[in-house]
Amino acid sequence: MVIVGVISIIVPLATAVAVNGLIGIVLLLAGIFQIVHAVRRPETA
């Protein structure tokens, strides 16, 4: 963790892009889960 922390400080833009990509993937997974949930449990229109 210390090594990764030092690298993050040395190349902060690459770290920011990686964090951005992680958030993007999480949002995609959340969207897919939301679709599955809506289809399986359509309580009302």
All heavy atoms as atom14 arrays in JSON, in Angstrom:
{
  "sequence": "MVIVGVISIIVPLATAVAVNGLIGIVLLLAGIFQIVHAVRRPETA",
  "atom14_mask": [
    [1, 1, 1, 1, 1, 1, 1, 1, 0, 0, 0, 0, 0, 0],
    [1, 1, 1, 1, 1, 1, 1, 0, 0, 0, 0, 0, 0, 0],
    [1, 1, 1, 1, 1, 1, 1, 1, 0, 0, 0, 0, 0, 0],
    [1, 1, 1, 1, 1, 1, 1, 0, 0, 0, 0, 0, 0, 0],
    [1, 1, 1, 1, 0, 0, 0, 0, 0, 0, 0, 0, 0, 0],
    [1, 1, 1, 1, 1, 1, 1, 0, 0, 0, 0, 0, 0, 0],
    [1, 1, 1, 1, 1, 1, 1, 1, 0, 0, 0, 0, 0, 0],
    [1, 1, 1, 1, 1, 1, 0, 0, 0, 0, 0, 0, 0, 0],
    [1, 1, 1, 1, 1, 1, 1, 1, 0, 0, 0, 0, 0, 0],
    [1, 1, 1, 1, 1, 1, 1, 1, 0, 0, 0, 0, 0, 0],
    [1, 1, 1, 1, 1, 1, 1, 0, 0, 0, 0, 0, 0, 0],
    [1, 1, 1, 1, 1, 1, 1, 0, 0, 0, 0, 0, 0, 0],
    [1, 1, 1, 1, 1, 1, 1, 1, 0, 0, 0, 0, 0, 0],
    [1, 1, 1, 1, 1, 0, 0, 0, 0, 0, 0, 0, 0, 0],
    [1, 1, 1, 1, 1, 1, 1, 0, 0, 0, 0, 0, 0, 0],
    [1, 1, 1, 1, 1, 0, 0, 0, 0, 0, 0, 0, 0, 0],
    [1, 1, 1, 1, 1, 1, 1, 0, 0, 0, 0, 0, 0, 0],
    [1, 1, 1, 1, 1, 0, 0, 0, 0, 0, 0, 0, 0, 0],
    [1, 1, 1, 1, 1, 1, 1, 0, 0, 0, 0, 0, 0, 0],
    [1, 1, 1, 1, 1, 1, 1, 1, 0, 0, 0, 0, 0, 0],
    [1, 1, 1, 1, 0, 0, 0, 0, 0, 0, 0, 0, 0, 0],
    [1, 1, 1, 1, 1, 1, 1, 1, 0, 0, 0, 0, 0, 0],
    [1, 1, 1, 1, 1, 1, 1, 1, 0, 0, 0, 0, 0, 0],
    [1, 1, 1, 1, 0, 0, 0, 0, 0, 0, 0, 0, 0, 0],
    [1, 1, 1, 1, 1, 1, 1, 1, 0, 0, 0, 0, 0, 0],
    [1, 1, 1, 1, 1, 1, 1, 0, 0, 0, 0, 0, 0, 0],
    [1, 1, 1, 1, 1, 1, 1, 1, 0, 0, 0, 0, 0, 0],
    [1, 1, 1, 1, 1, 1, 1, 1, 0, 0, 0, 0, 0, 0],
    [1, 1, 1, 1, 1, 1, 1, 1, 0, 0, 0, 0, 0, 0],
    [1, 1, 1, 1, 1, 0, 0, 0, 0, 0, 0, 0, 0, 0],
    [1, 1, 1, 1, 0, 0, 0, 0, 0, 0, 0, 0, 0, 0],
    [1, 1, 1, 1, 1, 1, 1, 1, 0, 0, 0, 0, 0, 0],
    [1, 1, 1, 1, 1, 1, 1, 1, 1, 1, 1, 0, 0, 0],
    [1, 1, 1, 1, 1, 1, 1, 1, 1, 0, 0, 0, 0, 0],
    [1, 1, 1, 1, 1, 1, 1, 1, 0, 0, 0, 0, 0, 0],
    [1, 1, 1, 1, 1, 1, 1, 0, 0, 0, 0, 0, 0, 0],
    [1, 1, 1, 1, 1, 1, 1, 1, 1, 1, 0, 0, 0, 0],
    [1, 1, 1, 1, 1, 0, 0, 0, 0, 0, 0, 0, 0, 0],
    [1, 1, 1, 1, 1, 1, 1, 0, 0, 0, 0, 0, 0, 0],
    [1, 1, 1, 1, 1, 1, 1, 1, 1, 1, 1, 0, 0, 0],
    [1, 1, 1, 1, 1, 1, 1, 1, 1, 1, 1, 0, 0, 0],
    [1, 1, 1, 1, 1, 1, 1, 0, 0, 0, 0, 0, 0, 0],
    [1, 1, 1, 1, 1, 1, 1, 1, 1, 0, 0, 0, 0, 0],
    [1, 1, 1, 1, 1, 1, 1, 0, 0, 0, 0, 0, 0, 0],
    [1, 1, 1, 1, 1, 0, 0, 0, 0, 0, 0, 0, 0, 0]
  ],
  "atom14_positions": [
    [[0.82, -1.2, 0.0], [0.0, 0.0, 0.0], [0.86, 1.26, 0.0], [0.52, 2.26, -0.65], [-0.94, -0.01, 1.21], [-1.98, -1.12, 1.16], [-3.18, -1.05, 2.51], [-4.14, 0.37, 2.01], [0.0, 0.0, 0.0], [0.0, 0.0, 0.0], [0.0, 0.0, 0.0], [0.0, 0.0, 0.0], [0.0, 0.0, 0.0], [0.0, 0.0, 0.0]],
    [[1.97, 1.22, 0.71], [2.88, 2.37, 0.71], [3.45, 2.59, -0.69], [3.54, 3.73, -1.17], [4.02, 2.16, 1.74], [5.13, 3.2, 1.53], [3.46, 2.26, 3.16], [0.0, 0.0, 0.0], [0.0, 0.0, 0.0], [0.0, 0.0, 0.0], [0.0, 0.0, 0.0], [0.0, 0.0, 0.0], [0.0, 0.0, 0.0], [0.0, 0.0, 0.0]],
    [[3.85, 1.49, -1.35], [4.41, 1.61, -2.71], [3.38, 2.18, -3.67], [3.67, 3.1, -4.45], [4.91, 0.23, -3.2], [6.1, -0.22, -2.36], [5.28, 0.29, -4.67], [6.58, -1.63, -2.68], [0.0, 0.0, 0.0], [0.0, 0.0, 0.0], [0.0, 0.0, 0.0], [0.0, 0.0, 0.0], [0.0, 0.0, 0.0], [0.0, 0.0, 0.0]],
    [[2.15, 1.64, -3.61], [1.09, 2.14, -4.49], [0.77, 3.6, -4.16], [0.51, 4.41, -5.06], [-0.18, 1.27, -4.36], [-1.32, 1.86, -5.17], [0.11, -0.15, -4.82], [0.0, 0.0, 0.0], [0.0, 0.0, 0.0], [0.0, 0.0, 0.0], [0.0, 0.0, 0.0], [0.0, 0.0, 0.0], [0.0, 0.0, 0.0], [0.0, 0.0, 0.0]],
    [[0.82, 3.95, -2.88], [0.58, 5.34, -2.48], [1.62, 6.29, -3.05], [1.29, 7.37, -3.54], [0.0, 0.0, 0.0], [0.0, 0.0, 0.0], [0.0, 0.0, 0.0], [0.0, 0.0, 0.0], [0.0, 0.0, 0.0], [0.0, 0.0, 0.0], [0.0, 0.0, 0.0], [0.0, 0.0, 0.0], [0.0, 0.0, 0.0], [0.0, 0.0, 0.0]],
    [[2.88, 5.87, -3.0], [3.97, 6.7, -3.55], [3.78, 6.86, -5.06], [3.93, 7.96, -5.61], [5.34, 6.07, -3.24], [6.44, 6.8, -3.99], [5.6, 6.11, -1.74], [0.0, 0.0, 0.0], [0.0, 0.0, 0.0], [0.0, 0.0, 0.0], [0.0, 0.0, 0.0], [0.0, 0.0, 0.0], [0.0, 0.0, 0.0], [0.0, 0.0, 0.0]],
    [[3.45, 5.75, -5.74], [3.22, 5.82, -7.19], [2.05, 6.74, -7.5], [2.1, 7.52, -8.47], [2.96, 4.41, -7.75], [4.22, 3.54, -7.61], [2.53, 4.47, -9.21], [4.01, 2.09, -8.02], [0.0, 0.0, 0.0], [0.0, 0.0, 0.0], [0.0, 0.0, 0.0], [0.0, 0.0, 0.0], [0.0, 0.0, 0.0], [0.0, 0.0, 0.0]],
    [[1.0, 6.68, -6.69], [-0.16, 7.54, -6.9], [0.2, 9.01, -6.79], [-0.33, 9.85, -7.53], [-1.26, 7.21, -5.89], [-1.7, 5.88, -6.05], [0.0, 0.0, 0.0], [0.0, 0.0, 0.0], [0.0, 0.0, 0.0], [0.0, 0.0, 0.0], [0.0, 0.0, 0.0], [0.0, 0.0, 0.0], [0.0, 0.0, 0.0], [0.0, 0.0, 0.0]],
    [[1.1, 9.33, -5.87], [1.52, 10.72, -5.69], [2.44, 11.16, -6.83], [2.36, 12.3, -7.31], [2.22, 10.89, -4.33], [1.21, 10.66, -3.2], [2.85, 12.27, -4.21], [1.82, 10.67, -1.82], [0.0, 0.0, 0.0], [0.0, 0.0, 0.0], [0.0, 0.0, 0.0], [0.0, 0.0, 0.0], [0.0, 0.0, 0.0], [0.0, 0.0, 0.0]],
    [[3.29, 10.24, -7.31], [4.22, 10.58, -8.39], [3.48, 10.75, -9.72], [3.78, 11.67, -10.5], [5.31, 9.49, -8.52], [6.17, 9.47, -7.25], [6.19, 9.75, -9.74], [7.2, 8.35, -7.23], [0.0, 0.0, 0.0], [0.0, 0.0, 0.0], [0.0, 0.0, 0.0], [0.0, 0.0, 0.0], [0.0, 0.0, 0.0], [0.0, 0.0, 0.0]],
    [[2.55, 9.86, -10.0], [1.76, 9.94, -11.25], [0.28, 10.08, -10.9], [-0.51, 9.15, -11.12], [2.01, 8.71, -12.15], [3.35, 8.81, -12.81], [1.92, 7.4, -11.35], [0.0, 0.0, 0.0], [0.0, 0.0, 0.0], [0.0, 0.0, 0.0], [0.0, 0.0, 0.0], [0.0, 0.0, 0.0], [0.0, 0.0, 0.0], [0.0, 0.0, 0.0]],
    [[-0.13, 11.23, -10.38], [-1.51, 11.39, -9.9], [-2.56, 11.3, -11.01], [-3.67, 10.85, -10.76], [-1.5, 12.78, -9.26], [-0.38, 13.51, -9.93], [0.65, 12.46, -10.21], [0.0, 0.0, 0.0], [0.0, 0.0, 0.0], [0.0, 0.0, 0.0], [0.0, 0.0, 0.0], [0.0, 0.0, 0.0], [0.0, 0.0, 0.0], [0.0, 0.0, 0.0]],
    [[-2.22, 11.75, -12.22], [-3.21, 11.71, -13.29], [-3.58, 10.28, -13.65], [-4.77, 9.97, -13.85], [-2.68, 12.44, -14.53], [-3.65, 12.5, -15.72], [-4.95, 13.17, -15.32], [-3.01, 13.23, -16.9], [0.0, 0.0, 0.0], [0.0, 0.0, 0.0], [0.0, 0.0, 0.0], [0.0, 0.0, 0.0], [0.0, 0.0, 0.0], [0.0, 0.0, 0.0]],
    [[-2.58, 9.39, -13.7], [-2.86, 7.98, -14.0], [-3.75, 7.37, -12.92], [-4.66, 6.59, -13.21], [-1.55, 7.2, -14.11], [0.0, 0.0, 0.0], [0.0, 0.0, 0.0], [0.0, 0.0, 0.0], [0.0, 0.0, 0.0], [0.0, 0.0, 0.0], [0.0, 0.0, 0.0], [0.0, 0.0, 0.0], [0.0, 0.0, 0.0], [0.0, 0.0, 0.0]],
    [[-3.49, 7.75, -11.67], [-4.32, 7.26, -10.57], [-5.75, 7.77, -10.7], [-6.71, 7.02, -10.5], [-3.73, 7.71, -9.23], [-2.39, 7.24, -9.12], [-4.56, 7.18, -8.06], [0.0, 0.0, 0.0], [0.0, 0.0, 0.0], [0.0, 0.0, 0.0], [0.0, 0.0, 0.0], [0.0, 0.0, 0.0], [0.0, 0.0, 0.0], [0.0, 0.0, 0.0]],
    [[-5.89, 9.05, -11.05], [-7.22, 9.63, -11.21], [-8.0, 8.93, -12.33], [-9.19, 8.66, -12.18], [-7.11, 11.13, -11.49], [0.0, 0.0, 0.0], [0.0, 0.0, 0.0], [0.0, 0.0, 0.0], [0.0, 0.0, 0.0], [0.0, 0.0, 0.0], [0.0, 0.0, 0.0], [0.0, 0.0, 0.0], [0.0, 0.0, 0.0], [0.0, 0.0, 0.0]],
    [[-7.31, 8.64, -13.44], [-7.96, 7.95, -14.55], [-8.4, 6.54, -14.12], [-9.48, 6.07, -14.48], [-7.03, 7.89, -15.77], [-7.61, 6.99, -16.86], [-6.79, 9.28, -16.33], [0.0, 0.0, 0.0], [0.0, 0.0, 0.0], [0.0, 0.0, 0.0], [0.0, 0.0, 0.0], [0.0, 0.0, 0.0], [0.0, 0.0, 0.0], [0.0, 0.0, 0.0]],
    [[-7.54, 5.88, -13.33], [-7.88, 4.53, -12.84], [-9.1, 4.58, -11.92], [-10.01, 3.74, -12.02], [-6.69, 3.92, -12.11], [0.0, 0.0, 0.0], [0.0, 0.0, 0.0], [0.0, 0.0, 0.0], [0.0, 0.0, 0.0], [0.0, 0.0, 0.0], [0.0, 0.0, 0.0], [0.0, 0.0, 0.0], [0.0, 0.0, 0.0], [0.0, 0.0, 0.0]],
    [[-9.14, 5.56, -11.02], [-10.3, 5.72, -10.13], [-11.55, 6.02, -10.94], [-12.63, 5.49, -10.68], [-10.03, 6.85, -9.11], [-11.3, 7.16, -8.32], [-8.91, 6.46, -8.16], [0.0, 0.0, 0.0], [0.0, 0.0, 0.0], [0.0, 0.0, 0.0], [0.0, 0.0, 0.0], [0.0, 0.0, 0.0], [0.0, 0.0, 0.0], [0.0, 0.0, 0.0]],
    [[-11.4, 6.88, -11.95], [-12.52, 7.21, -12.82], [-13.05, 5.96, -13.53], [-14.27, 5.75, -13.63], [-12.08, 8.25, -13.85], [-13.16, 8.56, -14.87], [-14.04, 9.37, -14.64], [-13.08, 7.92, -16.03], [0.0, 0.0, 0.0], [0.0, 0.0, 0.0], [0.0, 0.0, 0.0], [0.0, 0.0, 0.0], [0.0, 0.0, 0.0], [0.0, 0.0, 0.0]],
    [[-12.13, 5.11, -14.02], [-12.55, 3.87, -14.67], [-13.26, 2.93, -13.73], [-14.25, 2.29, -14.1], [0.0, 0.0, 0.0], [0.0, 0.0, 0.0], [0.0, 0.0, 0.0], [0.0, 0.0, 0.0], [0.0, 0.0, 0.0], [0.0, 0.0, 0.0], [0.0, 0.0, 0.0], [0.0, 0.0, 0.0], [0.0, 0.0, 0.0], [0.0, 0.0, 0.0]],
    [[-12.78, 2.85, -12.49], [-13.42, 2.0, -11.49], [-14.84, 2.47, -11.21], [-15.77, 1.66, -11.12], [-12.59, 1.99, -10.2], [-13.12, 1.13, -9.05], [-13.19, -0.33, -9.46], [-12.24, 1.3, -7.81], [0.0, 0.0, 0.0], [0.0, 0.0, 0.0], [0.0, 0.0, 0.0], [0.0, 0.0, 0.0], [0.0, 0.0, 0.0], [0.0, 0.0, 0.0]],
    [[-15.01, 3.79, -11.06], [-16.35, 4.34, -10.82], [-17.26, 4.06, -12.01], [-18.44, 3.73, -11.85], [-16.26, 5.85, -10.54], [-15.5, 6.11, -9.25], [-17.66, 6.47, -10.46], [-15.25, 7.58, -8.96], [0.0, 0.0, 0.0], [0.0, 0.0, 0.0], [0.0, 0.0, 0.0], [0.0, 0.0, 0.0], [0.0, 0.0, 0.0], [0.0, 0.0, 0.0]],
    [[-16.71, 4.18, -13.22], [-17.5, 3.9, -14.42], [-17.99, 2.46, -14.46], [-19.15, 2.19, -14.78], [0.0, 0.0, 0.0], [0.0, 0.0, 0.0], [0.0, 0.0, 0.0], [0.0, 0.0, 0.0], [0.0, 0.0, 0.0], [0.0, 0.0, 0.0], [0.0, 0.0, 0.0], [0.0, 0.0, 0.0], [0.0, 0.0, 0.0], [0.0, 0.0, 0.0]],
    [[-17.1, 1.53, -14.11], [-17.49, 0.11, -14.08], [-18.55, -0.15, -13.02], [-19.53, -0.89, -13.25], [-16.25, -0.77, -13.82], [-15.28, -0.69, -15.01], [-16.65, -2.23, -13.57], [-13.96, -1.38, -14.78], [0.0, 0.0, 0.0], [0.0, 0.0, 0.0], [0.0, 0.0, 0.0], [0.0, 0.0, 0.0], [0.0, 0.0, 0.0], [0.0, 0.0, 0.0]],
    [[-18.4, 0.47, -11.85], [-19.39, 0.31, -10.78], [-20.75, 0.83, -11.23], [-21.79, 0.21, -10.98], [-18.92, 1.04, -9.5], [-20.05, 1.08, -8.47], [-17.7, 0.34, -8.91], [0.0, 0.0, 0.0], [0.0, 0.0, 0.0], [0.0, 0.0, 0.0], [0.0, 0.0, 0.0], [0.0, 0.0, 0.0], [0.0, 0.0, 0.0], [0.0, 0.0, 0.0]],
    [[-20.77, 1.97, -11.93], [-22.03, 2.52, -12.42], [-22.68, 1.6, -13.46], [-23.9, 1.43, -13.46], [-21.79, 3.91, -13.02], [-21.49, 5.03, -12.01], [-21.13, 6.32, -12.74], [-22.69, 5.26, -11.1], [0.0, 0.0, 0.0], [0.0, 0.0, 0.0], [0.0, 0.0, 0.0], [0.0, 0.0, 0.0], [0.0, 0.0, 0.0], [0.0, 0.0, 0.0]],
    [[-21.86, 1.01, -14.33], [-22.41, 0.07, -15.31], [-23.03, -1.14, -14.63], [-24.13, -1.58, -14.98], [-21.3, -0.38, -16.28], [-20.84, 0.63, -17.33], [-19.72, 0.03, -18.17], [-22.0, 1.04, -18.22], [0.0, 0.0, 0.0], [0.0, 0.0, 0.0], [0.0, 0.0, 0.0], [0.0, 0.0, 0.0], [0.0, 0.0, 0.0], [0.0, 0.0, 0.0]],
    [[-22.33, -1.68, -13.65], [-22.86, -2.83, -12.91], [-24.14, -2.46, -12.16], [-25.09, -3.25, -12.1], [-21.81, -3.35, -11.93], [-20.56, -3.97, -12.56], [-19.56, -4.35, -11.48], [-20.92, -5.19, -13.4], [0.0, 0.0, 0.0], [0.0, 0.0, 0.0], [0.0, 0.0, 0.0], [0.0, 0.0, 0.0], [0.0, 0.0, 0.0], [0.0, 0.0, 0.0]],
    [[-24.17, -1.24, -11.6], [-25.37, -0.79, -10.9], [-26.54, -0.66, -11.87], [-27.69, -0.99, -11.54], [-25.11, 0.56, -10.22], [0.0, 0.0, 0.0], [0.0, 0.0, 0.0], [0.0, 0.0, 0.0], [0.0, 0.0, 0.0], [0.0, 0.0, 0.0], [0.0, 0.0, 0.0], [0.0, 0.0, 0.0], [0.0, 0.0, 0.0], [0.0, 0.0, 0.0]],
    [[-26.27, -0.17, -13.08], [-27.32, -0.06, -14.09], [-27.87, -1.41, -14.5], [-29.09, -1.59, -14.62], [0.0, 0.0, 0.0], [0.0, 0.0, 0.0], [0.0, 0.0, 0.0], [0.0, 0.0, 0.0], [0.0, 0.0, 0.0], [0.0, 0.0, 0.0], [0.0, 0.0, 0.0], [0.0, 0.0, 0.0], [0.0, 0.0, 0.0], [0.0, 0.0, 0.0]],
    [[-26.98, -2.38, -14.71], [-27.41, -3.73, -15.07], [-28.24, -4.35, -13.95], [-29.3, -4.96, -14.19], [-26.19, -4.61, -15.39], [-25.48, -4.09, -16.64], [-26.61, -6.07, -15.59], [-24.16, -4.78, -16.93], [0.0, 0.0, 0.0], [0.0, 0.0, 0.0], [0.0, 0.0, 0.0], [0.0, 0.0, 0.0], [0.0, 0.0, 0.0], [0.0, 0.0, 0.0]],
    [[-27.78, -4.18, -12.72], [-28.53, -4.71, -11.56], [-29.9, -4.06, -11.47], [-30.9, -4.73, -11.16], [-27.74, -4.46, -10.28], [-28.48, -4.84, -9.03], [-28.54, -6.15, -8.61], [-29.13, -3.87, -8.27], [-29.23, -6.51, -7.46], [-29.83, -4.21, -7.13], [-29.87, -5.54, -6.73], [0.0, 0.0, 0.0], [0.0, 0.0, 0.0], [0.0, 0.0, 0.0]],
    [[-29.97, -2.76, -11.74], [-31.24, -2.05, -11.66], [-32.22, -2.55, -12.71], [-33.43, -2.7, -12.45], [-31.02, -0.54, -11.85], [-32.25, 0.31, -11.67], [-32.79, 0.26, -10.26], [-32.02, 0.2, -9.3], [-34.09, 0.28, -10.11], [0.0, 0.0, 0.0], [0.0, 0.0, 0.0], [0.0, 0.0, 0.0], [0.0, 0.0, 0.0], [0.0, 0.0, 0.0]],
    [[-31.72, -2.86, -13.91], [-32.58, -3.4, -14.96], [-33.13, -4.76, -14.56], [-34.32, -5.04, -14.7], [-31.81, -3.5, -16.29], [-31.5, -2.1, -16.83], [-32.61, -4.28, -17.32], [-30.65, -2.11, -18.08], [0.0, 0.0, 0.0], [0.0, 0.0, 0.0], [0.0, 0.0, 0.0], [0.0, 0.0, 0.0], [0.0, 0.0, 0.0], [0.0, 0.0, 0.0]],
    [[-32.25, -5.62, -14.06], [-32.67, -6.96, -13.63], [-33.71, -6.86, -12.52], [-34.72, -7.57, -12.52], [-31.44, -7.78, -13.16], [-31.89, -9.11, -12.55], [-30.48, -8.02, -14.32], [0.0, 0.0, 0.0], [0.0, 0.0, 0.0], [0.0, 0.0, 0.0], [0.0, 0.0, 0.0], [0.0, 0.0, 0.0], [0.0, 0.0, 0.0], [0.0, 0.0, 0.0]],
    [[-33.46, -5.95, -11.57], [-34.4, -5.78, -10.46], [-35.75, -5.28, -10.95], [-36.81, -5.74, -10.49], [-33.82, -4.8, -9.45], [-34.72, -4.53, -8.28], [-34.94, -5.44, -7.27], [-35.49, -3.44, -7.97], [-35.78, -4.95, -6.39], [-36.14, -3.74, -6.8], [0.0, 0.0, 0.0], [0.0, 0.0, 0.0], [0.0, 0.0, 0.0], [0.0, 0.0, 0.0]],
    [[-35.74, -4.34, -11.9], [-36.99, -3.79, -12.42], [-37.78, -4.83, -13.2], [-39.01, -4.87, -13.13], [-36.69, -2.57, -13.3], [0.0, 0.0, 0.0], [0.0, 0.0, 0.0], [0.0, 0.0, 0.0], [0.0, 0.0, 0.0], [0.0, 0.0, 0.0], [0.0, 0.0, 0.0], [0.0, 0.0, 0.0], [0.0, 0.0, 0.0], [0.0, 0.0, 0.0]],
    [[-37.09, -5.69, -13.94], [-37.76, -6.71, -14.74], [-38.32, -7.82, -13.85], [-39.44, -8.32, -14.07], [-36.81, -7.29, -15.79], [-37.43, -8.49, -16.49], [-36.43, -6.22, -16.81], [0.0, 0.0, 0.0], [0.0, 0.0, 0.0], [0.0, 0.0, 0.0], [0.0, 0.0, 0.0], [0.0, 0.0, 0.0], [0.0, 0.0, 0.0], [0.0, 0.0, 0.0]],
    [[-37.55, -8.21, -12.83], [-37.98, -9.32, -11.98], [-39.08, -8.91, -11.01], [-39.9, -9.74, -10.62], [-36.78, -9.87, -11.19], [-35.82, -10.68, -12.04], [-34.76, -11.33, -11.15], [-33.91, -12.23, -11.91], [-32.93, -12.95, -11.38], [-32.68, -12.87, -10.07], [-32.2, -13.75, -12.13], [0.0, 0.0, 0.0], [0.0, 0.0, 0.0], [0.0, 0.0, 0.0]],
    [[-39.1, -7.65, -10.6], [-40.1, -7.21, -9.62], [-40.82, -5.96, -10.11], [-40.7, -4.88, -9.51], [-39.43, -6.95, -8.27], [-38.71, -8.17, -7.7], [-38.19, -7.88, -6.31], [-39.26, -7.55, -5.39], [-39.06, -7.22, -4.11], [-37.84, -7.17, -3.62], [-40.08, -6.93, -3.34], [0.0, 0.0, 0.0], [0.0, 0.0, 0.0], [0.0, 0.0, 0.0]],
    [[-41.56, -6.07, -11.18], [-42.32, -4.91, -11.69], [-43.59, -4.69, -10.87], [-44.69, -5.09, -11.27], [-42.63, -5.32, -13.13], [-42.71, -6.81, -13.08], [-41.74, -7.26, -12.02], [0.0, 0.0, 0.0], [0.0, 0.0, 0.0], [0.0, 0.0, 0.0], [0.0, 0.0, 0.0], [0.0, 0.0, 0.0], [0.0, 0.0, 0.0], [0.0, 0.0, 0.0]],
    [[-43.45, -4.07, -9.7], [-44.59, -3.92, -8.78], [-45.72, -3.12, -9.44], [-46.88, -3.51, -9.4], [-44.11, -3.25, -7.49], [-43.04, -4.08, -6.77], [-42.5, -3.35, -5.55], [-42.91, -2.2, -5.32], [-41.67, -3.93, -4.84], [0.0, 0.0, 0.0], [0.0, 0.0, 0.0], [0.0, 0.0, 0.0], [0.0, 0.0, 0.0], [0.0, 0.0, 0.0]],
    [[-45.38, -1.99, -10.01], [-46.36, -1.19, -10.74], [-45.7, -0.68, -12.01], [-44.47, -0.69, -12.14], [-46.85, 0.01, -9.9], [-45.74, 0.87, -9.62], [-47.48, -0.46, -8.6], [0.0, 0.0, 0.0], [0.0, 0.0, 0.0], [0.0, 0.0, 0.0], [0.0, 0.0, 0.0], [0.0, 0.0, 0.0], [0.0, 0.0, 0.0], [0.0, 0.0, 0.0]],
    [[-46.53, -0.22, -12.96], [-45.99, 0.31, -14.21], [-45.11, 1.53, -13.95], [-44.06, 1.7, -14.59], [-47.13, 0.66, -15.16], [0.0, 0.0, 0.0], [0.0, 0.0, 0.0], [0.0, 0.0, 0.0], [0.0, 0.0, 0.0], [0.0, 0.0, 0.0], [0.0, 0.0, 0.0], [0.0, 0.0, 0.0], [0.0, 0.0, 0.0], [0.0, 0.0, 0.0]]
  ]
}
